[in-house]
Amino acid sequence: MDERNKTTVQIFGEEYTLVGTESEAYMQKICQYVDRLMRNLSYDSNLSTAKVSVLTAINMSDGYHKAKEALEQANAELEQYRAQGTPNRDVMAGLQKENEFLKDELKRLKAELERKNR
């Protein structure tokens, strides 16, 4: 069973007690990020805490979806490169076989030449 950690955090002037399997340091870092976003949104405005919370959630959702799209795009590009690499591996395997054949042929010709020079 995962170890449960408990920590108290401050977000936008409110105290919350969190319990989770992540480290206390991680939970603090995440909450500090949320607090910073909320404070940046509320700076020099008269928005209610509820509106600041909703706008923060929207901004975080936007960041999440943009990061998810970027990851999906990177994975698609990676699959493209892998697919393009397959024919190259096939060509390389063919060249390696041809190289082995030519090495054997060279050995055979050297041996034949040596027999003729005796």
PDB file of N, CA and C in Angstrom:
ATOM      1  N   MET A   1       0.846  -1.185   0.000  1.00  0.00           N
ATOM      2  CA  MET A   1       0.000   0.000   0.000  1.00  0.00           C
ATOM      3  C   MET A   1       0.887   1.243   0.000  1.00  0.00           C
ATOM      4  N   ASP A   2       0.470   2.264  -0.753  1.00  0.00           N
ATOM      5  CA  ASP A   2       1.246   3.497  -0.832  1.00  0.00           C
ATOM      6  C   ASP A   2       1.199   4.249   0.490  1.00  0.00           C
ATOM      7  N   GLU A   3       2.333   4.861   0.800  1.00  0.00           N
ATOM      8  CA  GLU A   3       2.414   5.667   2.019  1.00  0.00           C
ATOM      9  C   GLU A   3       1.638   6.965   1.807  1.00  0.00           C
ATOM     10  N   ARG A   4       0.848   7.349   2.766  1.00  0.00           N
ATOM     11  CA  ARG A   4       0.051   8.572   2.684  1.00  0.00           C
ATOM     12  C   ARG A   4       0.803   9.687   3.409  1.00  0.00           C
ATOM     13  N   ASN A   5       0.884  10.828   2.766  1.00  0.00           N
ATOM     14  CA  ASN A   5       1.527  11.995   3.349  1.00  0.00           C
ATOM     15  C   ASN A   5       0.481  13.071   3.594  1.00  0.00           C
ATOM     16  N   LYS A   6       0.709  13.841   4.634  1.00  0.00           N
ATOM     17  CA  LYS A   6      -0.219  14.903   5.009  1.00  0.00           C
ATOM     18  C   LYS A   6       0.563  16.198   5.122  1.00  0.00           C
ATOM     19  N   THR A   7      -0.019  17.256   4.578  1.00  0.00           N
ATOM     20  CA  THR A   7       0.632  18.561   4.665  1.00  0.00           C
ATOM     21  C   THR A   7      -0.425  19.655   4.683  1.00  0.00           C
ATOM     22  N   THR A   8      -0.085  20.774   5.284  1.00  0.00           N
ATOM     23  CA  THR A   8      -0.969  21.935   5.327  1.00  0.00           C
ATOM     24  C   THR A   8      -0.401  22.981   4.388  1.00  0.00           C
ATOM     25  N   VAL A   9      -1.277  23.550   3.553  1.00  0.00           N
ATOM     26  CA  VAL A   9      -0.843  24.533   2.558  1.00  0.00           C
ATOM     27  C   VAL A   9      -1.713  25.782   2.647  1.00  0.00           C
ATOM     28  N   GLN A  10      -1.203  26.861   2.094  1.00  0.00           N
ATOM     29  CA  GLN A  10      -1.941  28.121   1.998  1.00  0.00           C
ATOM     30  C   GLN A  10      -2.166  28.403   0.512  1.00  0.00           C
ATOM     31  N   ILE A  11      -3.436  28.592   0.153  1.00  0.00           N
ATOM     32  CA  ILE A  11      -3.777  28.975  -1.216  1.00  0.00           C
ATOM     33  C   ILE A  11      -4.723  30.164  -1.143  1.00  0.00           C
ATOM     34  N   PHE A  12      -4.268  31.269  -1.664  1.00  0.00           N
ATOM     35  CA  PHE A  12      -5.065  32.494  -1.760  1.00  0.00           C
ATOM     36  C   PHE A  12      -5.639  32.894  -0.406  1.00  0.00           C
ATOM     37  N   GLY A  13      -4.793  32.774   0.622  1.00  0.00           N
ATOM     38  CA  GLY A  13      -5.168  33.202   1.965  1.00  0.00           C
ATOM     39  C   GLY A  13      -5.956  32.183   2.766  1.00  0.00           C
ATOM     40  N   GLU A  14      -6.223  31.037   2.195  1.00  0.00           N
ATOM     41  CA  GLU A  14      -6.959  29.983   2.897  1.00  0.00           C
ATOM     42  C   GLU A  14      -6.028  28.820   3.194  1.00  0.00           C
ATOM     43  N   GLU A  15      -6.258  28.186   4.338  1.00  0.00           N
ATOM     44  CA  GLU A  15      -5.441  27.047   4.740  1.00  0.00           C
ATOM     45  C   GLU A  15      -6.168  25.752   4.381  1.00  0.00           C
ATOM     46  N   TYR A  16      -5.425  24.820   3.777  1.00  0.00           N
ATOM     47  CA  TYR A  16      -5.977  23.523   3.393  1.00  0.00           C
ATOM     48  C   TYR A  16      -5.050  22.425   3.903  1.00  0.00           C
ATOM     49  N   THR A  17      -5.635  21.319   4.329  1.00  0.00           N
ATOM     50  CA  THR A  17      -4.860  20.144   4.711  1.00  0.00           C
ATOM     51  C   THR A  17      -5.021  19.116   3.597  1.00  0.00           C
ATOM     52  N   LEU A  18      -3.900  18.708   3.039  1.00  0.00           N
ATOM     53  CA  LEU A  18      -3.910  17.738   1.950  1.00  0.00           C
ATOM     54  C   LEU A  18      -3.359  16.411   2.430  1.00  0.00           C
ATOM     55  N   VAL A  19      -3.930  15.330   1.931  1.00  0.00           N
ATOM     56  CA  VAL A  19      -3.445  13.985   2.199  1.00  0.00           C
ATOM     57  C   VAL A  19      -3.304  13.296   0.851  1.00  0.00           C
ATOM     58  N   GLY A  20      -2.153  12.724   0.596  1.00  0.00           N
ATOM     59  CA  GLY A  20      -1.933  12.054  -0.684  1.00  0.00           C
ATOM     60  C   GLY A  20      -0.708  11.184  -0.668  1.00  0.00           C
ATOM     61  N   THR A  21      -0.496  10.491  -1.763  1.00  0.00           N
ATOM     62  CA  THR A  21       0.659   9.597  -1.871  1.00  0.00           C
ATOM     63  C   THR A  21       1.908  10.321  -2.371  1.00  0.00           C
ATOM     64  N   GLU A  22       1.732  11.534  -2.886  1.00  0.00           N
ATOM     65  CA  GLU A  22       2.890  12.321  -3.325  1.00  0.00           C
ATOM     66  C   GLU A  22       3.630  12.851  -2.102  1.00  0.00           C
ATOM     67  N   SER A  23       4.878  13.255  -2.323  1.00  0.00           N
ATOM     68  CA  SER A  23       5.662  13.798  -1.211  1.00  0.00           C
ATOM     69  C   SER A  23       5.080  15.139  -0.764  1.00  0.00           C
ATOM     70  N   GLU A  24       5.368  15.489   0.486  1.00  0.00           N
ATOM     71  CA  GLU A  24       4.907  16.791   0.993  1.00  0.00           C
ATOM     72  C   GLU A  24       5.473  17.924   0.147  1.00  0.00           C
ATOM     73  N   ALA A  25       6.737  17.795  -0.246  1.00  0.00           N
ATOM     74  CA  ALA A  25       7.373  18.842  -1.052  1.00  0.00           C
ATOM     75  C   ALA A  25       6.653  19.015  -2.386  1.00  0.00           C
ATOM     76  N   TYR A  26       6.253  17.915  -2.987  1.00  0.00           N
ATOM     77  CA  TYR A  26       5.539  17.985  -4.264  1.00  0.00           C
ATOM     78  C   TYR A  26       4.179  18.670  -4.077  1.00  0.00           C
ATOM     79  N   MET A  27       3.450  18.261  -3.051  1.00  0.00           N
ATOM     80  CA  MET A  27       2.140  18.866  -2.803  1.00  0.00           C
ATOM     81  C   MET A  27       2.282  20.360  -2.528  1.00  0.00           C
ATOM     82  N   GLN A  28       3.307  20.753  -1.776  1.00  0.00           N
ATOM     83  CA  GLN A  28       3.558  22.175  -1.511  1.00  0.00           C
ATOM     84  C   GLN A  28       3.850  22.926  -2.816  1.00  0.00           C
ATOM     85  N   LYS A  29       4.660  22.323  -3.661  1.00  0.00           N
ATOM     86  CA  LYS A  29       5.032  22.965  -4.929  1.00  0.00           C
ATOM     87  C   LYS A  29       3.798  23.192  -5.806  1.00  0.00           C
ATOM     88  N   ILE A  30       2.940  22.174  -5.907  1.00  0.00           N
ATOM     89  CA  ILE A  30       1.729  22.290  -6.714  1.00  0.00           C
ATOM     90  C   ILE A  30       0.820  23.390  -6.171  1.00  0.00           C
ATOM     91  N   CYS A  31       0.665  23.423  -4.863  1.00  0.00           N
ATOM     92  CA  CYS A  31      -0.206  24.429  -4.243  1.00  0.00           C
ATOM     93  C   CYS A  31       0.369  25.835  -4.368  1.00  0.00           C
ATOM     94  N   GLN A  32       1.679  25.955  -4.289  1.00  0.00           N
ATOM     95  CA  GLN A  32       2.304  27.263  -4.491  1.00  0.00           C
ATOM     96  C   GLN A  32       2.055  27.759  -5.913  1.00  0.00           C
ATOM     97  N   TYR A  33       2.063  26.845  -6.864  1.00  0.00           N
ATOM     98  CA  TYR A  33       1.777  27.200  -8.254  1.00  0.00           C
ATOM     99  C   TYR A  33       0.345  27.722  -8.391  1.00  0.00           C
ATOM    100  N   VAL A  34      -0.614  27.010  -7.805  1.00  0.00           N
ATOM    101  CA  VAL A  34      -2.013  27.432  -7.848  1.00  0.00           C
ATOM    102  C   VAL A  34      -2.160  28.795  -7.171  1.00  0.00           C
ATOM    103  N   ASP A  35      -1.542  28.972  -6.007  1.00  0.00           N
ATOM    104  CA  ASP A  35      -1.604  30.241  -5.284  1.00  0.00           C
ATOM    105  C   ASP A  35      -1.047  31.378  -6.142  1.00  0.00           C
ATOM    106  N   ARG A  36       0.093  31.136  -6.786  1.00  0.00           N
ATOM    107  CA  ARG A  36       0.720  32.163  -7.619  1.00  0.00           C
ATOM    108  C   ARG A  36      -0.198  32.537  -8.791  1.00  0.00           C
ATOM    109  N   LEU A  37      -0.816  31.535  -9.438  1.00  0.00           N
ATOM    110  CA  LEU A  37      -1.735  31.832 -10.542  1.00  0.00           C
ATOM    111  C   LEU A  37      -2.925  32.649 -10.066  1.00  0.00           C
ATOM    112  N   MET A  38      -3.484  32.282  -8.931  1.00  0.00           N
ATOM    113  CA  MET A  38      -4.641  33.011  -8.401  1.00  0.00           C
ATOM    114  C   MET A  38      -4.264  34.441  -8.052  1.00  0.00           C
ATOM    115  N   ARG A  39      -3.115  34.615  -7.432  1.00  0.00           N
ATOM    116  CA  ARG A  39      -2.683  35.971  -7.056  1.00  0.00           C
ATOM    117  C   ARG A  39      -2.405  36.820  -8.305  1.00  0.00           C
ATOM    118  N   ASN A  40      -1.820  36.211  -9.327  1.00  0.00           N
ATOM    119  CA  ASN A  40      -1.574  36.960 -10.570  1.00  0.00           C
ATOM    120  C   ASN A  40      -2.874  37.394 -11.222  1.00  0.00           C
ATOM    121  N   LEU A  41      -3.886  36.530 -11.182  1.00  0.00           N
ATOM    122  CA  LEU A  41      -5.184  36.891 -11.773  1.00  0.00           C
ATOM    123  C   LEU A  41      -5.899  37.974 -10.966  1.00  0.00           C
ATOM    124  N   SER A  42      -5.740  37.934  -9.676  1.00  0.00           N
ATOM    125  CA  SER A  42      -6.462  38.888  -8.823  1.00  0.00           C
ATOM    126  C   SER A  42      -5.730  40.207  -8.676  1.00  0.00           C
ATOM    127  N   TYR A  43      -4.472  40.280  -9.103  1.00  0.00           N
ATOM    128  CA  TYR A  43      -3.676  41.489  -8.944  1.00  0.00           C
ATOM    129  C   TYR A  43      -4.381  42.673  -9.607  1.00  0.00           C
ATOM    130  N   ASP A  44      -4.594  43.696  -8.853  1.00  0.00           N
ATOM    131  CA  ASP A  44      -5.174  44.951  -9.345  1.00  0.00           C
ATOM    132  C   ASP A  44      -6.573  44.748  -9.949  1.00  0.00           C
ATOM    133  N   SER A  45      -7.354  43.844  -9.343  1.00  0.00           N
ATOM    134  CA  SER A  45      -8.744  43.669  -9.784  1.00  0.00           C
ATOM    135  C   SER A  45      -9.627  43.403  -8.568  1.00  0.00           C
ATOM    136  N   ASN A  46     -10.889  43.517  -8.757  1.00  0.00           N
ATOM    137  CA  ASN A  46     -11.841  43.298  -7.669  1.00  0.00           C
ATOM    138  C   ASN A  46     -12.632  42.012  -7.884  1.00  0.00           C
ATOM    139  N   LEU A  47     -11.996  40.993  -8.476  1.00  0.00           N
ATOM    140  CA  LEU A  47     -12.677  39.728  -8.731  1.00  0.00           C
ATOM    141  C   LEU A  47     -12.896  38.972  -7.429  1.00  0.00           C
ATOM    142  N   SER A  48     -14.027  38.289  -7.338  1.00  0.00           N
ATOM    143  CA  SER A  48     -14.300  37.469  -6.154  1.00  0.00           C
ATOM    144  C   SER A  48     -13.386  36.247  -6.167  1.00  0.00           C
ATOM    145  N   THR A  49     -13.245  35.640  -5.012  1.00  0.00           N
ATOM    146  CA  THR A  49     -12.434  34.430  -4.905  1.00  0.00           C
ATOM    147  C   THR A  49     -12.973  33.343  -5.833  1.00  0.00           C
ATOM    148  N   ALA A  50     -14.288  33.239  -5.926  1.00  0.00           N
ATOM    149  CA  ALA A  50     -14.896  32.227  -6.799  1.00  0.00           C
ATOM    150  C   ALA A  50     -14.511  32.474  -8.258  1.00  0.00           C
ATOM    151  N   LYS A  51     -14.564  33.724  -8.710  1.00  0.00           N
ATOM    152  CA  LYS A  51     -14.208  34.036 -10.097  1.00  0.00           C
ATOM    153  C   LYS A  51     -12.716  33.807 -10.339  1.00  0.00           C
ATOM    154  N   VAL A  52     -11.883  34.185  -9.373  1.00  0.00           N
ATOM    155  CA  VAL A  52     -10.441  33.941  -9.507  1.00  0.00           C
ATOM    156  C   VAL A  52     -10.182  32.439  -9.594  1.00  0.00           C
ATOM    157  N   SER A  53     -10.900  31.667  -8.787  1.00  0.00           N
ATOM    158  CA  SER A  53     -10.740  30.207  -8.807  1.00  0.00           C
ATOM    159  C   SER A  53     -11.127  29.624 -10.160  1.00  0.00           C
ATOM    160  N   VAL A  54     -12.263  30.067 -10.698  1.00  0.00           N
ATOM    161  CA  VAL A  54     -12.720  29.556 -11.999  1.00  0.00           C
ATOM    162  C   VAL A  54     -11.753  29.959 -13.101  1.00  0.00           C
ATOM    163  N   LEU A  55     -11.318  31.216 -13.113  1.00  0.00           N
ATOM    164  CA  LEU A  55     -10.371  31.668 -14.134  1.00  0.00           C
ATOM    165  C   LEU A  55      -9.038  30.914 -14.024  1.00  0.00           C
ATOM    166  N   THR A  56      -8.601  30.638 -12.813  1.00  0.00           N
ATOM    167  CA  THR A  56      -7.378  29.860 -12.611  1.00  0.00           C
ATOM    168  C   THR A  56      -7.558  28.454 -13.156  1.00  0.00           C
ATOM    169  N   ALA A  57      -8.702  27.844 -12.873  1.00  0.00           N
ATOM    170  CA  ALA A  57      -8.980  26.499 -13.396  1.00  0.00           C
ATOM    171  C   ALA A  57      -8.991  26.499 -14.921  1.00  0.00           C
ATOM    172  N   ILE A  58      -9.581  27.529 -15.518  1.00  0.00           N
ATOM    173  CA  ILE A  58      -9.609  27.630 -16.986  1.00  0.00           C
ATOM    174  C   ILE A  58      -8.192  27.746 -17.534  1.00  0.00           C
ATOM    175  N   ASN A  59      -7.377  28.608 -16.926  1.00  0.00           N
ATOM    176  CA  ASN A  59      -5.990  28.773 -17.380  1.00  0.00           C
ATOM    177  C   ASN A  59      -5.192  27.485 -17.227  1.00  0.00           C
ATOM    178  N   MET A  60      -5.392  26.774 -16.116  1.00  0.00           N
ATOM    179  CA  MET A  60      -4.669  25.518 -15.900  1.00  0.00           C
ATOM    180  C   MET A  60      -5.145  24.457 -16.895  1.00  0.00           C
ATOM    181  N   SER A  61      -6.433  24.426 -17.178  1.00  0.00           N
ATOM    182  CA  SER A  61      -6.974  23.487 -18.162  1.00  0.00           C
ATOM    183  C   SER A  61      -6.409  23.790 -19.548  1.00  0.00           C
ATOM    184  N   ASP A  62      -6.313  25.059 -19.880  1.00  0.00           N
ATOM    185  CA  ASP A  62      -5.726  25.466 -21.155  1.00  0.00           C
ATOM    186  C   ASP A  62      -4.281  24.974 -21.247  1.00  0.00           C
ATOM    187  N   GLY A  63      -3.515  25.193 -20.195  1.00  0.00           N
ATOM    188  CA  GLY A  63      -2.119  24.733 -20.188  1.00  0.00           C
ATOM    189  C   GLY A  63      -2.027  23.227 -20.315  1.00  0.00           C
ATOM    190  N   TYR A  64      -2.901  22.517 -19.613  1.00  0.00           N
ATOM    191  CA  TYR A  64      -2.905  21.052 -19.674  1.00  0.00           C
ATOM    192  C   TYR A  64      -3.193  20.577 -21.097  1.00  0.00           C
ATOM    193  N   HIS A  65      -4.233  21.127 -21.724  1.00  0.00           N
ATOM    194  CA  HIS A  65      -4.614  20.667 -23.058  1.00  0.00           C
ATOM    195  C   HIS A  65      -3.567  21.023 -24.107  1.00  0.00           C
ATOM    196  N   LYS A  66      -2.942  22.178 -23.961  1.00  0.00           N
ATOM    197  CA  LYS A  66      -1.863  22.538 -24.894  1.00  0.00           C
ATOM    198  C   LYS A  66      -0.673  21.587 -24.726  1.00  0.00           C
ATOM    199  N   ALA A  67      -0.333  21.253 -23.486  1.00  0.00           N
ATOM    200  CA  ALA A  67       0.769  20.324 -23.236  1.00  0.00           C
ATOM    201  C   ALA A  67       0.420  18.935 -23.765  1.00  0.00           C
ATOM    202  N   LYS A  68      -0.823  18.524 -23.582  1.00  0.00           N
ATOM    203  CA  LYS A  68      -1.275  17.208 -24.070  1.00  0.00           C
ATOM    204  C   LYS A  68      -1.195  17.156 -25.592  1.00  0.00           C
ATOM    205  N   GLU A  69      -1.648  18.213 -26.271  1.00  0.00           N
ATOM    206  CA  GLU A  69      -1.571  18.274 -27.736  1.00  0.00           C
ATOM    207  C   GLU A  69      -0.122  18.236 -28.209  1.00  0.00           C
ATOM    208  N   ALA A  70       0.751  18.957 -27.517  1.00  0.00           N
ATOM    209  CA  ALA A  70       2.170  18.963 -27.889  1.00  0.00           C
ATOM    210  C   ALA A  70       2.768  17.574 -27.717  1.00  0.00           C
ATOM    211  N   LEU A  71       2.406  16.880 -26.645  1.00  0.00           N
ATOM    212  CA  LEU A  71       2.897  15.521 -26.421  1.00  0.00           C
ATOM    213  C   LEU A  71       2.387  14.568 -27.500  1.00  0.00           C
ATOM    214  N   GLU A  72       1.105  14.677 -27.847  1.00  0.00           N
ATOM    215  CA  GLU A  72       0.540  13.838 -28.903  1.00  0.00           C
ATOM    216  C   GLU A  72       1.227  14.096 -30.234  1.00  0.00           C
ATOM    217  N   GLN A  73       1.507  15.356 -30.532  1.00  0.00           N
ATOM    218  CA  GLN A  73       2.207  15.711 -31.775  1.00  0.00           C
ATOM    219  C   GLN A  73       3.628  15.141 -31.772  1.00  0.00           C
ATOM    220  N   ALA A  74       4.309  15.264 -30.635  1.00  0.00           N
ATOM    221  CA  ALA A  74       5.669  14.721 -30.536  1.00  0.00           C
ATOM    222  C   ALA A  74       5.660  13.207 -30.697  1.00  0.00           C
ATOM    223  N   ASN A  75       4.669  12.534 -30.106  1.00  0.00           N
ATOM    224  CA  ASN A  75       4.568  11.078 -30.250  1.00  0.00           C
ATOM    225  C   ASN A  75       4.281  10.687 -31.696  1.00  0.00           C
ATOM    226  N   ALA A  76       3.424  11.455 -32.382  1.00  0.00           N
ATOM    227  CA  ALA A  76       3.131  11.177 -33.796  1.00  0.00           C
ATOM    228  C   ALA A  76       4.390  11.340 -34.642  1.00  0.00           C
ATOM    229  N   GLU A  77       5.163  12.395 -34.383  1.00  0.00           N
ATOM    230  CA  GLU A  77       6.410  12.612 -35.117  1.00  0.00           C
ATOM    231  C   GLU A  77       7.400  11.489 -34.839  1.00  0.00           C
ATOM    232  N   LEU A  78       7.463  11.052 -33.594  1.00  0.00           N
ATOM    233  CA  LEU A  78       8.362   9.954 -33.236  1.00  0.00           C
ATOM    234  C   LEU A  78       7.987   8.691 -33.997  1.00  0.00           C
ATOM    235  N   GLU A  79       6.696   8.391 -34.066  1.00  0.00           N
ATOM    236  CA  GLU A  79       6.239   7.207 -34.808  1.00  0.00           C
ATOM    237  C   GLU A  79       6.576   7.330 -36.284  1.00  0.00           C
ATOM    238  N   GLN A  80       6.470   8.552 -36.835  1.00  0.00           N
ATOM    239  CA  GLN A  80       6.841   8.778 -38.238  1.00  0.00           C
ATOM    240  C   GLN A  80       8.318   8.475 -38.456  1.00  0.00           C
ATOM    241  N   TYR A  81       9.161   8.972 -37.552  1.00  0.00           N
ATOM    242  CA  TYR A  81      10.598   8.740 -37.683  1.00  0.00           C
ATOM    243  C   TYR A  81      10.922   7.257 -37.544  1.00  0.00           C
ATOM    244  N   ARG A  82      10.220   6.588 -36.634  1.00  0.00           N
ATOM    245  CA  ARG A  82      10.439   5.149 -36.471  1.00  0.00           C
ATOM    246  C   ARG A  82      10.038   4.405 -37.737  1.00  0.00           C
ATOM    247  N   ALA A  83       8.903   4.799 -38.322  1.00  0.00           N
ATOM    248  CA  ALA A  83       8.435   4.148 -39.544  1.00  0.00           C
ATOM    249  C   ALA A  83       9.406   4.399 -40.694  1.00  0.00           C
ATOM    250  N   GLN A  84       9.944   5.587 -40.768  1.00  0.00           N
ATOM    251  CA  GLN A  84      10.913   5.905 -41.814  1.00  0.00           C
ATOM    252  C   GLN A  84      12.218   5.158 -41.591  1.00  0.00           C
ATOM    253  N   GLY A  85      12.528   4.873 -40.337  1.00  0.00           N
ATOM    254  CA  GLY A  85      13.769   4.162 -40.022  1.00  0.00           C
ATOM    255  C   GLY A  85      13.712   2.704 -40.387  1.00  0.00           C
ATOM    256  N   THR A  86      12.516   2.109 -40.457  1.00  0.00           N
ATOM    257  CA  THR A  86      12.386   0.687 -40.765  1.00  0.00           C
ATOM    258  C   THR A  86      12.956   0.347 -42.132  1.00  0.00           C
ATOM    259  N   PRO A  87      12.584   1.095 -43.194  1.00  0.00           N
ATOM    260  CA  PRO A  87      13.201   0.777 -44.490  1.00  0.00           C
ATOM    261  C   PRO A  87      14.716   0.939 -44.462  1.00  0.00           C
ATOM    262  N   ASN A  88      15.198   1.920 -43.724  1.00  0.00           N
ATOM    263  CA  ASN A  88      16.645   2.109 -43.626  1.00  0.00           C
ATOM    264  C   ASN A  88      17.310   0.913 -42.955  1.00  0.00           C
ATOM    265  N   ARG A  89      16.657   0.347 -41.946  1.00  0.00           N
ATOM    266  CA  ARG A  89      17.210  -0.841 -41.291  1.00  0.00           C
ATOM    267  C   ARG A  89      17.226  -2.020 -42.251  1.00  0.00           C
ATOM    268  N   ASP A  90      16.163  -2.124 -43.078  1.00  0.00           N
ATOM    269  CA  ASP A  90      16.110  -3.200 -44.061  1.00  0.00           C
ATOM    270  C   ASP A  90      17.232  -3.047 -45.086  1.00  0.00           C
ATOM    271  N   VAL A  91      17.444  -1.825 -45.550  1.00  0.00           N
ATOM    272  CA  VAL A  91      18.533  -1.557 -46.500  1.00  0.00           C
ATOM    273  C   VAL A  91      19.873  -1.890 -45.850  1.00  0.00           C
ATOM    274  N   MET A  92      20.037  -1.475 -44.592  1.00  0.00           N
ATOM    275  CA  MET A  92      21.291  -1.736 -43.886  1.00  0.00           C
ATOM    276  C   MET A  92      21.527  -3.245 -43.745  1.00  0.00           C
ATOM    277  N   ALA A  93      20.480  -3.987 -43.407  1.00  0.00           N
ATOM    278  CA  ALA A  93      20.623  -5.444 -43.274  1.00  0.00           C
ATOM    279  C   ALA A  93      21.044  -6.054 -44.600  1.00  0.00           C
ATOM    280  N   GLY A  94      20.461  -5.579 -45.693  1.00  0.00           N
ATOM    281  CA  GLY A  94      20.839  -6.076 -47.024  1.00  0.00           C
ATOM    282  C   GLY A  94      22.283  -5.751 -47.346  1.00  0.00           C
ATOM    283  N   LEU A  95      22.697  -4.547 -47.001  1.00  0.00           N
ATOM    284  CA  LEU A  95      24.085  -4.148 -47.249  1.00  0.00           C
ATOM    285  C   LEU A  95      25.062  -4.956 -46.401  1.00  0.00           C
ATOM    286  N   GLN A  96      24.671  -5.276 -45.177  1.00  0.00           N
ATOM    287  CA  GLN A  96      25.532  -6.099 -44.332  1.00  0.00           C
ATOM    288  C   GLN A  96      25.696  -7.502 -44.915  1.00  0.00           C
ATOM    289  N   LYS A  97      24.600  -8.064 -45.432  1.00  0.00           N
ATOM    290  CA  LYS A  97      24.682  -9.389 -46.065  1.00  0.00           C
ATOM    291  C   LYS A  97      25.581  -9.337 -47.295  1.00  0.00           C
ATOM    292  N   GLU A  98      25.404  -8.288 -48.104  1.00  0.00           N
ATOM    293  CA  GLU A  98      26.238  -8.136 -49.290  1.00  0.00           C
ATOM    294  C   GLU A  98      27.701  -7.963 -48.908  1.00  0.00           C
ATOM    295  N   ASN A  99      27.956  -7.210 -47.844  1.00  0.00           N
ATOM    296  CA  ASN A  99      29.311  -6.997 -47.360  1.00  0.00           C
ATOM    297  C   ASN A  99      29.940  -8.330 -46.939  1.00  0.00           C
ATOM    298  N   GLU A 100      29.186  -9.152 -46.204  1.00  0.00           N
ATOM    299  CA  GLU A 100      29.685 -10.468 -45.787  1.00  0.00           C
ATOM    300  C   GLU A 100      29.989 -11.335 -47.003  1.00  0.00           C
ATOM    301  N   PHE A 101      29.095 -11.308 -47.991  1.00  0.00           N
ATOM    302  CA  PHE A 101      29.317 -12.076 -49.212  1.00  0.00           C
ATOM    303  C   PHE A 101      30.604 -11.626 -49.903  1.00  0.00           C
ATOM    304  N   LEU A 102      30.788 -10.295 -50.002  1.00  0.00           N
ATOM    305  CA  LEU A 102      31.974  -9.766 -50.667  1.00  0.00           C
ATOM    306  C   LEU A 102      33.252 -10.091 -49.892  1.00  0.00           C
ATOM    307  N   LYS A 103      33.183 -10.093 -48.559  1.00  0.00           N
ATOM    308  CA  LYS A 103      34.345 -10.483 -47.754  1.00  0.00           C
ATOM    309  C   LYS A 103      34.710 -11.934 -48.034  1.00  0.00           C
ATOM    310  N   ASP A 104      33.692 -12.795 -48.062  1.00  0.00           N
ATOM    311  CA  ASP A 104      33.945 -14.213 -48.356  1.00  0.00           C
ATOM    312  C   ASP A 104      34.521 -14.391 -49.754  1.00  0.00           C
ATOM    313  N   GLU A 105      33.976 -13.634 -50.701  1.00  0.00           N
ATOM    314  CA  GLU A 105      34.457 -13.709 -52.083  1.00  0.00           C
ATOM    315  C   GLU A 105      35.906 -13.232 -52.167  1.00  0.00           C
ATOM    316  N   LEU A 106      36.234 -12.181 -51.431  1.00  0.00           N
ATOM    317  CA  LEU A 106      37.603 -11.670 -51.407  1.00  0.00           C
ATOM    318  C   LEU A 106      38.552 -12.720 -50.838  1.00  0.00           C
ATOM    319  N   LYS A 107      38.152 -13.379 -49.750  1.00  0.00           N
ATOM    320  CA  LYS A 107      38.976 -14.447 -49.172  1.00  0.00           C
ATOM    321  C   LYS A 107      39.191 -15.565 -50.191  1.00  0.00           C
ATOM    322  N   ARG A 108      38.108 -15.942 -50.879  1.00  0.00           N
ATOM    323  CA  ARG A 108      38.205 -17.018 -51.860  1.00  0.00           C
ATOM    324  C   ARG A 108      39.143 -16.632 -52.995  1.00  0.00           C
ATOM    325  N   LEU A 109      39.027 -15.392 -53.485  1.00  0.00           N
ATOM    326  CA  LEU A 109      39.887 -14.941 -54.577  1.00  0.00           C
ATOM    327  C   LEU A 109      41.346 -14.831 -54.137  1.00  0.00           C
ATOM    328  N   LYS A 110      41.590 -14.379 -52.894  1.00  0.00           N
ATOM    329  CA  LYS A 110      42.959 -14.309 -52.380  1.00  0.00           C
ATOM    330  C   LYS A 110      43.554 -15.703 -52.287  1.00  0.00           C
ATOM    331  N   ALA A 111      42.773 -16.642 -51.803  1.00  0.00           N
ATOM    332  CA  ALA A 111      43.248 -18.025 -51.703  1.00  0.00           C
ATOM    333  C   ALA A 111      43.542 -18.586 -53.095  1.00  0.00           C
ATOM    334  N   GLU A 112      42.707 -18.305 -54.059  1.00  0.00           N
ATOM    335  CA  GLU A 112      42.908 -18.781 -55.436  1.00  0.00           C
ATOM    336  C   GLU A 112      44.156 -18.161 -56.035  1.00  0.00           C
ATOM    337  N   LEU A 113      44.339 -16.878 -55.803  1.00  0.00           N
ATOM    338  CA  LEU A 113      45.515 -16.181 -56.309  1.00  0.00           C
ATOM    339  C   LEU A 113      46.768 -16.747 -55.666  1.00  0.00           C
ATOM    340  N   GLU A 114      46.721 -17.041 -54.376  1.00  0.00           N
ATOM    341  CA  GLU A 114      47.864 -17.619 -53.688  1.00  0.00           C
ATOM    342  C   GLU A 114      48.222 -19.002 -54.257  1.00  0.00           C
ATOM    343  N   ARG A 115      47.208 -19.801 -54.559  1.00  0.00           N
ATOM    344  CA  ARG A 115      47.452 -21.131 -55.149  1.00  0.00           C
ATOM    345  C   ARG A 115      48.097 -20.993 -56.515  1.00  0.00           C
ATOM    346  N   LYS A 116      47.674 -20.011 -57.296  1.00  0.00           N
ATOM    347  CA  LYS A 116      48.212 -19.830 -58.642  1.00  0.00           C
ATOM    348  C   LYS A 116      49.650 -19.316 -58.597  1.00  0.00           C
ATOM    349  N   ASN A 117      49.996 -18.550 -57.544  1.00  0.00           N
ATOM    350  CA  ASN A 117      51.336 -17.977 -57.433  1.00  0.00           C
ATOM    351  C   ASN A 117      52.347 -18.971 -56.878  1.00  0.00           C
ATOM    352  N   ARG A 118      51.959 -20.128 -56.494  1.00  0.00           N
ATOM    353  CA  ARG A 118      52.897 -21.113 -55.939  1.00  0.00           C
ATOM    354  C   ARG A 118      53.657 -21.785 -56.994  1.00  0.00           C
TER     355      ARG A 118
END
